[in-house]
All heavy atoms as atom14 arrays in JSON, in Angstrom:
{
  "sequence": "LTKYYADSVKGRFTISRDNDKNTMYLQMNSLGPEDTAVYYC",
  "atom14_mask": [
    [1, 1, 1, 1, 1, 1, 1, 1, 0, 0, 0, 0, 0, 0],
    [1, 1, 1, 1, 1, 1, 1, 0, 0, 0, 0, 0, 0, 0],
    [1, 1, 1, 1, 1, 1, 1, 1, 1, 0, 0, 0, 0, 0],
    [1, 1, 1, 1, 1, 1, 1, 1, 1, 1, 1, 1, 0, 0],
    [1, 1, 1, 1, 1, 1, 1, 1, 1, 1, 1, 1, 0, 0],
    [1, 1, 1, 1, 1, 0, 0, 0, 0, 0, 0, 0, 0, 0],
    [1, 1, 1, 1, 1, 1, 1, 1, 0, 0, 0, 0, 0, 0],
    [1, 1, 1, 1, 1, 1, 0, 0, 0, 0, 0, 0, 0, 0],
    [1, 1, 1, 1, 1, 1, 1, 0, 0, 0, 0, 0, 0, 0],
    [1, 1, 1, 1, 1, 1, 1, 1, 1, 0, 0, 0, 0, 0],
    [1, 1, 1, 1, 0, 0, 0, 0, 0, 0, 0, 0, 0, 0],
    [1, 1, 1, 1, 1, 1, 1, 1, 1, 1, 1, 0, 0, 0],
    [1, 1, 1, 1, 1, 1, 1, 1, 1, 1, 1, 0, 0, 0],
    [1, 1, 1, 1, 1, 1, 1, 0, 0, 0, 0, 0, 0, 0],
    [1, 1, 1, 1, 1, 1, 1, 1, 0, 0, 0, 0, 0, 0],
    [1, 1, 1, 1, 1, 1, 0, 0, 0, 0, 0, 0, 0, 0],
    [1, 1, 1, 1, 1, 1, 1, 1, 1, 1, 1, 0, 0, 0],
    [1, 1, 1, 1, 1, 1, 1, 1, 0, 0, 0, 0, 0, 0],
    [1, 1, 1, 1, 1, 1, 1, 1, 0, 0, 0, 0, 0, 0],
    [1, 1, 1, 1, 1, 1, 1, 1, 0, 0, 0, 0, 0, 0],
    [1, 1, 1, 1, 1, 1, 1, 1, 1, 0, 0, 0, 0, 0],
    [1, 1, 1, 1, 1, 1, 1, 1, 0, 0, 0, 0, 0, 0],
    [1, 1, 1, 1, 1, 1, 1, 0, 0, 0, 0, 0, 0, 0],
    [1, 1, 1, 1, 1, 1, 1, 1, 0, 0, 0, 0, 0, 0],
    [1, 1, 1, 1, 1, 1, 1, 1, 1, 1, 1, 1, 0, 0],
    [1, 1, 1, 1, 1, 1, 1, 1, 0, 0, 0, 0, 0, 0],
    [1, 1, 1, 1, 1, 1, 1, 1, 1, 0, 0, 0, 0, 0],
    [1, 1, 1, 1, 1, 1, 1, 1, 0, 0, 0, 0, 0, 0],
    [1, 1, 1, 1, 1, 1, 1, 1, 0, 0, 0, 0, 0, 0],
    [1, 1, 1, 1, 1, 1, 0, 0, 0, 0, 0, 0, 0, 0],
    [1, 1, 1, 1, 1, 1, 1, 1, 0, 0, 0, 0, 0, 0],
    [1, 1, 1, 1, 0, 0, 0, 0, 0, 0, 0, 0, 0, 0],
    [1, 1, 1, 1, 1, 1, 1, 0, 0, 0, 0, 0, 0, 0],
    [1, 1, 1, 1, 1, 1, 1, 1, 1, 0, 0, 0, 0, 0],
    [1, 1, 1, 1, 1, 1, 1, 1, 0, 0, 0, 0, 0, 0],
    [1, 1, 1, 1, 1, 1, 1, 0, 0, 0, 0, 0, 0, 0],
    [1, 1, 1, 1, 1, 0, 0, 0, 0, 0, 0, 0, 0, 0],
    [1, 1, 1, 1, 1, 1, 1, 0, 0, 0, 0, 0, 0, 0],
    [1, 1, 1, 1, 1, 1, 1, 1, 1, 1, 1, 1, 0, 0],
    [1, 1, 1, 1, 1, 1, 1, 1, 1, 1, 1, 1, 0, 0],
    [1, 1, 1, 1, 1, 1, 0, 0, 0, 0, 0, 0, 0, 0]
  ],
  "atom14_positions": [
    [[3.98, 13.88, 0.52], [4.03, 14.42, 1.88], [2.9, 13.94, 2.76], [3.0, 13.95, 3.99], [4.03, 15.94, 1.81], [5.2, 16.58, 1.04], [5.05, 18.09, 1.03], [6.53, 16.15, 1.64], [0.0, 0.0, 0.0], [0.0, 0.0, 0.0], [0.0, 0.0, 0.0], [0.0, 0.0, 0.0], [0.0, 0.0, 0.0], [0.0, 0.0, 0.0]],
    [[1.8, 13.54, 2.14], [0.62, 13.12, 2.88], [0.22, 11.72, 2.44], [0.19, 11.44, 1.25], [-0.55, 14.08, 2.65], [-0.13, 15.42, 2.95], [-1.73, 13.72, 3.54], [0.0, 0.0, 0.0], [0.0, 0.0, 0.0], [0.0, 0.0, 0.0], [0.0, 0.0, 0.0], [0.0, 0.0, 0.0], [0.0, 0.0, 0.0], [0.0, 0.0, 0.0]],
    [[-0.1, 10.88, 3.41], [-0.55, 9.52, 3.13], [-1.82, 9.25, 3.92], [-2.02, 9.8, 5.01], [0.53, 8.51, 3.51], [1.85, 8.74, 2.8], [2.91, 7.76, 3.27], [4.25, 8.06, 2.6], [5.3, 7.1, 3.03], [0.0, 0.0, 0.0], [0.0, 0.0, 0.0], [0.0, 0.0, 0.0], [0.0, 0.0, 0.0], [0.0, 0.0, 0.0]],
    [[-2.64, 8.4, 3.37], [-3.89, 8.04, 4.03], [-4.15, 6.56, 3.8], [-3.97, 6.07, 2.69], [-5.04, 8.89, 3.47], [-6.35, 8.68, 4.16], [-6.57, 9.16, 5.45], [-7.39, 8.0, 3.53], [-7.78, 8.96, 6.09], [-8.59, 7.8, 4.16], [-8.79, 8.29, 5.44], [-9.99, 8.09, 6.08], [0.0, 0.0, 0.0], [0.0, 0.0, 0.0]],
    [[-4.57, 5.86, 4.86], [-4.76, 4.41, 4.78], [-6.16, 4.02, 5.27], [-6.73, 4.66, 6.17], [-3.74, 3.7, 5.65], [-2.31, 3.91, 5.23], [-1.54, 4.91, 5.79], [-1.72, 3.08, 4.28], [-0.21, 5.1, 5.41], [-0.39, 3.25, 3.89], [0.34, 4.26, 4.46], [1.65, 4.45, 4.08], [0.0, 0.0, 0.0], [0.0, 0.0, 0.0]],
    [[-6.65, 2.96, 4.7], [-7.85, 2.33, 5.24], [-7.49, 1.71, 6.58], [-6.36, 1.25, 6.78], [-8.37, 1.27, 4.28], [0.0, 0.0, 0.0], [0.0, 0.0, 0.0], [0.0, 0.0, 0.0], [0.0, 0.0, 0.0], [0.0, 0.0, 0.0], [0.0, 0.0, 0.0], [0.0, 0.0, 0.0], [0.0, 0.0, 0.0], [0.0, 0.0, 0.0]],
    [[-8.43, 1.69, 7.48], [-8.18, 1.14, 8.81], [-7.72, -0.32, 8.74], [-6.92, -0.77, 9.57], [-9.43, 1.24, 9.67], [-9.74, 2.67, 10.09], [-8.83, 3.52, 10.02], [-10.89, 2.93, 10.48], [0.0, 0.0, 0.0], [0.0, 0.0, 0.0], [0.0, 0.0, 0.0], [0.0, 0.0, 0.0], [0.0, 0.0, 0.0], [0.0, 0.0, 0.0]],
    [[-8.21, -1.04, 7.77], [-7.92, -2.47, 7.66], [-6.45, -2.75, 7.33], [-5.98, -3.87, 7.54], [-8.81, -3.11, 6.6], [-8.62, -2.49, 5.34], [0.0, 0.0, 0.0], [0.0, 0.0, 0.0], [0.0, 0.0, 0.0], [0.0, 0.0, 0.0], [0.0, 0.0, 0.0], [0.0, 0.0, 0.0], [0.0, 0.0, 0.0], [0.0, 0.0, 0.0]],
    [[-5.73, -1.76, 6.81], [-4.34, -1.99, 6.43], [-3.36, -1.11, 7.2], [-2.14, -1.26, 7.06], [-4.13, -1.78, 4.91], [-5.1, -2.63, 4.11], [-4.25, -0.31, 4.53], [0.0, 0.0, 0.0], [0.0, 0.0, 0.0], [0.0, 0.0, 0.0], [0.0, 0.0, 0.0], [0.0, 0.0, 0.0], [0.0, 0.0, 0.0], [0.0, 0.0, 0.0]],
    [[-3.87, -0.21, 7.99], [-3.03, 0.73, 8.72], [-2.06, -0.03, 9.62], [-2.43, -0.94, 10.34], [-3.9, 1.67, 9.55], [-3.25, 2.96, 9.95], [-4.27, 3.87, 10.6], [-5.35, 4.31, 9.65], [-6.31, 5.26, 10.27], [0.0, 0.0, 0.0], [0.0, 0.0, 0.0], [0.0, 0.0, 0.0], [0.0, 0.0, 0.0], [0.0, 0.0, 0.0]],
    [[-0.79, 0.36, 9.55], [0.24, -0.31, 10.33], [0.86, -1.51, 9.65], [1.89, -2.01, 10.1], [0.0, 0.0, 0.0], [0.0, 0.0, 0.0], [0.0, 0.0, 0.0], [0.0, 0.0, 0.0], [0.0, 0.0, 0.0], [0.0, 0.0, 0.0], [0.0, 0.0, 0.0], [0.0, 0.0, 0.0], [0.0, 0.0, 0.0], [0.0, 0.0, 0.0]],
    [[0.24, -2.0, 8.59], [0.77, -3.16, 7.86], [1.23, -2.79, 6.45], [2.2, -3.36, 5.94], [-0.29, -4.26, 7.75], [-0.78, -4.78, 9.07], [-1.7, -6.0, 8.89], [-2.9, -5.66, 8.11], [-3.23, -6.28, 6.97], [-2.47, -7.23, 6.49], [-4.34, -5.94, 6.34], [0.0, 0.0, 0.0], [0.0, 0.0, 0.0], [0.0, 0.0, 0.0]],
    [[0.54, -1.86, 5.82], [0.84, -1.46, 4.45], [1.48, -0.07, 4.46], [1.15, 0.78, 5.29], [-0.42, -1.4, 3.6], [-1.05, -2.73, 3.28], [-0.66, -3.9, 3.93], [-2.05, -2.83, 2.33], [-1.24, -5.12, 3.64], [-2.63, -4.04, 2.02], [-2.24, -5.19, 2.68], [0.0, 0.0, 0.0], [0.0, 0.0, 0.0], [0.0, 0.0, 0.0]],
    [[2.37, 0.14, 3.5], [3.01, 1.45, 3.34], [2.97, 1.85, 1.87], [3.45, 1.1, 1.0], [4.46, 1.42, 3.81], [4.5, 1.03, 5.2], [5.09, 2.81, 3.68], [0.0, 0.0, 0.0], [0.0, 0.0, 0.0], [0.0, 0.0, 0.0], [0.0, 0.0, 0.0], [0.0, 0.0, 0.0], [0.0, 0.0, 0.0], [0.0, 0.0, 0.0]],
    [[2.41, 3.01, 1.61], [2.37, 3.53, 0.25], [3.53, 4.5, 0.07], [3.88, 5.25, 0.99], [1.01, 4.21, -0.05], [0.89, 4.54, -1.53], [0.79, 5.42, 0.83], [-0.5, 5.0, -1.93], [0.0, 0.0, 0.0], [0.0, 0.0, 0.0], [0.0, 0.0, 0.0], [0.0, 0.0, 0.0], [0.0, 0.0, 0.0], [0.0, 0.0, 0.0]],
    [[4.13, 4.48, -1.11], [5.22, 5.39, -1.4], [5.25, 5.66, -2.9], [4.5, 5.04, -3.66], [6.56, 4.8, -0.94], [6.85, 3.6, -1.62], [0.0, 0.0, 0.0], [0.0, 0.0, 0.0], [0.0, 0.0, 0.0], [0.0, 0.0, 0.0], [0.0, 0.0, 0.0], [0.0, 0.0, 0.0], [0.0, 0.0, 0.0], [0.0, 0.0, 0.0]],
    [[6.12, 6.57, -3.28], [6.23, 6.9, -4.7], [7.63, 7.42, -5.01], [8.3, 7.98, -4.15], [5.19, 7.94, -5.09], [5.32, 9.29, -4.41], [4.08, 10.13, -4.61], [3.87, 10.41, -6.04], [2.69, 10.76, -6.56], [1.64, 10.88, -5.77], [2.58, 11.01, -7.85], [0.0, 0.0, 0.0], [0.0, 0.0, 0.0], [0.0, 0.0, 0.0]],
    [[8.02, 7.2, -6.24], [9.29, 7.73, -6.75], [8.93, 8.51, -8.01], [8.78, 7.92, -9.09], [10.26, 6.6, -7.05], [11.63, 7.11, -7.46], [11.74, 8.26, -7.92], [12.6, 6.34, -7.32], [0.0, 0.0, 0.0], [0.0, 0.0, 0.0], [0.0, 0.0, 0.0], [0.0, 0.0, 0.0], [0.0, 0.0, 0.0], [0.0, 0.0, 0.0]],
    [[8.78, 9.8, -7.87], [8.34, 10.61, -9.01], [9.38, 10.67, -10.12], [9.03, 10.86, -11.29], [7.97, 12.01, -8.54], [6.67, 12.03, -7.76], [5.84, 11.13, -7.89], [6.49, 13.05, -6.93], [0.0, 0.0, 0.0], [0.0, 0.0, 0.0], [0.0, 0.0, 0.0], [0.0, 0.0, 0.0], [0.0, 0.0, 0.0], [0.0, 0.0, 0.0]],
    [[10.63, 10.49, -9.77], [11.66, 10.47, -10.82], [11.48, 9.27, -11.73], [11.82, 9.32, -12.91], [13.05, 10.43, -10.19], [13.41, 11.75, -9.53], [12.81, 12.79, -9.9], [14.29, 11.75, -8.64], [0.0, 0.0, 0.0], [0.0, 0.0, 0.0], [0.0, 0.0, 0.0], [0.0, 0.0, 0.0], [0.0, 0.0, 0.0], [0.0, 0.0, 0.0]],
    [[10.94, 8.19, -11.17], [10.7, 6.98, -11.95], [9.24, 6.86, -12.39], [8.87, 5.87, -13.03], [11.08, 5.74, -11.13], [12.56, 5.66, -10.79], [12.86, 4.39, -10.01], [14.35, 4.29, -9.7], [14.67, 3.06, -8.91], [0.0, 0.0, 0.0], [0.0, 0.0, 0.0], [0.0, 0.0, 0.0], [0.0, 0.0, 0.0], [0.0, 0.0, 0.0]],
    [[8.43, 7.85, -12.01], [7.0, 7.81, -12.36], [6.35, 6.52, -11.87], [5.54, 5.91, -12.59], [6.8, 7.97, -13.87], [5.96, 9.18, -14.21], [5.93, 10.18, -13.48], [5.25, 9.12, -15.33], [0.0, 0.0, 0.0], [0.0, 0.0, 0.0], [0.0, 0.0, 0.0], [0.0, 0.0, 0.0], [0.0, 0.0, 0.0], [0.0, 0.0, 0.0]],
    [[6.71, 6.12, -10.69], [6.27, 4.82, -10.16], [5.79, 4.97, -8.73], [6.35, 5.74, -7.95], [7.41, 3.8, -10.22], [7.85, 3.66, -11.57], [6.96, 2.44, -9.71], [0.0, 0.0, 0.0], [0.0, 0.0, 0.0], [0.0, 0.0, 0.0], [0.0, 0.0, 0.0], [0.0, 0.0, 0.0], [0.0, 0.0, 0.0], [0.0, 0.0, 0.0]],
    [[4.73, 4.21, -8.4], [4.21, 4.17, -7.05], [4.34, 2.76, -6.5], [4.42, 1.8, -7.27], [2.72, 4.57, -7.04], [2.46, 5.97, -7.55], [2.47, 6.1, -9.36], [0.97, 5.26, -9.8], [0.0, 0.0, 0.0], [0.0, 0.0, 0.0], [0.0, 0.0, 0.0], [0.0, 0.0, 0.0], [0.0, 0.0, 0.0], [0.0, 0.0, 0.0]],
    [[4.34, 2.64, -5.2], [4.55, 1.35, -4.57], [3.55, 1.13, -3.44], [3.04, 2.08, -2.84], [5.97, 1.26, -3.99], [7.05, 1.56, -5.0], [7.61, 2.82, -5.09], [7.5, 0.56, -5.87], [8.6, 3.1, -6.02], [8.49, 0.84, -6.8], [9.03, 2.1, -6.88], [10.01, 2.37, -7.8], [0.0, 0.0, 0.0], [0.0, 0.0, 0.0]],
    [[3.32, -0.13, -3.16], [2.55, -0.52, -1.98], [3.27, -1.67, -1.33], [3.25, -2.79, -1.85], [1.11, -0.9, -2.35], [0.2, -1.17, -1.16], [-0.06, 0.12, -0.37], [-1.13, -1.79, -1.61], [0.0, 0.0, 0.0], [0.0, 0.0, 0.0], [0.0, 0.0, 0.0], [0.0, 0.0, 0.0], [0.0, 0.0, 0.0], [0.0, 0.0, 0.0]],
    [[3.91, -1.39, -0.21], [4.58, -2.43, 0.57], [3.55, -3.04, 1.51], [2.96, -2.32, 2.32], [5.75, -1.85, 1.35], [6.45, -2.84, 2.25], [7.18, -3.93, 1.47], [7.84, -3.66, 0.48], [7.06, -5.17, 1.93], [0.0, 0.0, 0.0], [0.0, 0.0, 0.0], [0.0, 0.0, 0.0], [0.0, 0.0, 0.0], [0.0, 0.0, 0.0]],
    [[3.38, -4.34, 1.42], [2.36, -5.03, 2.21], [3.04, -6.05, 3.11], [3.67, -6.99, 2.63], [1.34, -5.71, 1.3], [0.72, -4.77, 0.27], [-0.59, -5.54, -0.7], [0.35, -6.78, -1.58], [0.0, 0.0, 0.0], [0.0, 0.0, 0.0], [0.0, 0.0, 0.0], [0.0, 0.0, 0.0], [0.0, 0.0, 0.0], [0.0, 0.0, 0.0]],
    [[2.91, -5.86, 4.41], [3.49, -6.76, 5.39], [2.4, -7.42, 6.22], [1.25, -6.97, 6.23], [4.44, -5.99, 6.32], [5.6, -5.35, 5.58], [6.07, -5.88, 4.56], [6.07, -4.22, 6.08], [0.0, 0.0, 0.0], [0.0, 0.0, 0.0], [0.0, 0.0, 0.0], [0.0, 0.0, 0.0], [0.0, 0.0, 0.0], [0.0, 0.0, 0.0]],
    [[2.77, -8.47, 6.9], [1.83, -9.2, 7.77], [0.53, -9.52, 7.04], [-0.57, -9.3, 7.55], [1.53, -8.38, 9.04], [2.71, -8.09, 9.75], [0.0, 0.0, 0.0], [0.0, 0.0, 0.0], [0.0, 0.0, 0.0], [0.0, 0.0, 0.0], [0.0, 0.0, 0.0], [0.0, 0.0, 0.0], [0.0, 0.0, 0.0], [0.0, 0.0, 0.0]],
    [[0.68, -10.06, 5.86], [-0.49, -10.35, 5.04], [-1.3, -11.49, 5.62], [-0.76, -12.44, 6.2], [-0.06, -10.69, 3.62], [0.4, -9.49, 2.78], [1.2, -9.96, 1.57], [-0.78, -8.66, 2.34], [0.0, 0.0, 0.0], [0.0, 0.0, 0.0], [0.0, 0.0, 0.0], [0.0, 0.0, 0.0], [0.0, 0.0, 0.0], [0.0, 0.0, 0.0]],
    [[-2.61, -11.37, 5.44], [-3.52, -12.41, 5.88], [-4.45, -12.8, 4.74], [-4.52, -12.08, 3.73], [0.0, 0.0, 0.0], [0.0, 0.0, 0.0], [0.0, 0.0, 0.0], [0.0, 0.0, 0.0], [0.0, 0.0, 0.0], [0.0, 0.0, 0.0], [0.0, 0.0, 0.0], [0.0, 0.0, 0.0], [0.0, 0.0, 0.0], [0.0, 0.0, 0.0]],
    [[-5.16, -13.9, 4.86], [-6.08, -14.33, 3.8], [-7.09, -13.24, 3.43], [-7.54, -13.2, 2.27], [-6.77, -15.54, 4.41], [-5.79, -16.08, 5.39], [-5.11, -14.88, 5.97], [0.0, 0.0, 0.0], [0.0, 0.0, 0.0], [0.0, 0.0, 0.0], [0.0, 0.0, 0.0], [0.0, 0.0, 0.0], [0.0, 0.0, 0.0], [0.0, 0.0, 0.0]],
    [[-7.42, -12.38, 4.37], [-8.39, -11.31, 4.09], [-7.83, -10.26, 3.13], [-8.59, -9.42, 2.63], [-8.82, -10.63, 5.4], [-7.72, -9.84, 6.11], [-6.81, -10.68, 6.97], [-6.88, -11.93, 6.89], [-6.02, -10.08, 7.74], [0.0, 0.0, 0.0], [0.0, 0.0, 0.0], [0.0, 0.0, 0.0], [0.0, 0.0, 0.0], [0.0, 0.0, 0.0]],
    [[-6.54, -10.31, 2.87], [-5.93, -9.37, 1.93], [-5.95, -9.9, 0.49], [-5.51, -9.2, -0.42], [-4.49, -9.07, 2.34], [-4.4, -8.38, 3.69], [-5.15, -7.4, 3.9], [-3.6, -8.82, 4.53], [0.0, 0.0, 0.0], [0.0, 0.0, 0.0], [0.0, 0.0, 0.0], [0.0, 0.0, 0.0], [0.0, 0.0, 0.0], [0.0, 0.0, 0.0]],
    [[-6.42, -11.11, 0.32], [-6.51, -11.67, -1.02], [-7.47, -10.86, -1.87], [-8.63, -10.65, -1.5], [-6.99, -13.13, -0.96], [-5.99, -13.92, -0.3], [-7.24, -13.69, -2.35], [0.0, 0.0, 0.0], [0.0, 0.0, 0.0], [0.0, 0.0, 0.0], [0.0, 0.0, 0.0], [0.0, 0.0, 0.0], [0.0, 0.0, 0.0], [0.0, 0.0, 0.0]],
    [[-6.98, -10.38, -3.0], [-7.77, -9.51, -3.86], [-6.97, -9.16, -5.1], [-5.76, -9.43, -5.17], [-8.16, -8.23, -3.13], [0.0, 0.0, 0.0], [0.0, 0.0, 0.0], [0.0, 0.0, 0.0], [0.0, 0.0, 0.0], [0.0, 0.0, 0.0], [0.0, 0.0, 0.0], [0.0, 0.0, 0.0], [0.0, 0.0, 0.0], [0.0, 0.0, 0.0]],
    [[-7.64, -8.55, -6.05], [-6.96, -7.9, -7.16], [-6.7, -6.46, -6.73], [-7.61, -5.76, -6.29], [-7.79, -7.92, -8.45], [-7.07, -7.17, -9.56], [-8.08, -9.36, -8.87], [0.0, 0.0, 0.0], [0.0, 0.0, 0.0], [0.0, 0.0, 0.0], [0.0, 0.0, 0.0], [0.0, 0.0, 0.0], [0.0, 0.0, 0.0], [0.0, 0.0, 0.0]],
    [[-5.46, -6.04, -6.85], [-5.06, -4.71, -6.41], [-4.89, -3.8, -7.62], [-4.22, -4.18, -8.59], [-3.77, -4.79, -5.61], [-3.98, -5.3, -4.21], [-4.28, -6.64, -3.97], [-3.92, -4.44, -3.11], [-4.51, -7.11, -2.68], [-4.13, -4.9, -1.82], [-4.43, -6.24, -1.61], [-4.65, -6.7, -0.34], [0.0, 0.0, 0.0], [0.0, 0.0, 0.0]],
    [[-5.45, -2.61, -7.51], [-5.42, -1.64, -8.59], [-4.77, -0.34, -8.12], [-5.04, 0.12, -7.01], [-6.84, -1.3, -9.05], [-7.65, -2.45, -9.55], [-8.41, -3.22, -8.69], [-7.68, -2.75, -10.91], [-9.17, -4.29, -9.15], [-8.44, -3.81, -11.39], [-9.18, -4.57, -10.5], [-9.92, -5.63, -10.98], [0.0, 0.0, 0.0], [0.0, 0.0, 0.0]],
    [[-3.98, 0.26, -8.98], [-3.52, 1.62, -8.7], [-4.35, 2.58, -9.56], [-4.88, 2.2, -10.61], [-2.03, 1.79, -8.99], [-1.54, 1.54, -10.7], [0.0, 0.0, 0.0], [0.0, 0.0, 0.0], [0.0, 0.0, 0.0], [0.0, 0.0, 0.0], [0.0, 0.0, 0.0], [0.0, 0.0, 0.0], [0.0, 0.0, 0.0], [0.0, 0.0, 0.0]]
  ]
}
């Protein structure tokens, strides 16, 4: 019900979850070189 984003990704990334599948997601759009990183949940 509640989501919170870092300013650097706000408007480009969307976090979601499917509790029935015990899975979380991060949809990342409009990616730039500054988004290059290892991503951890």
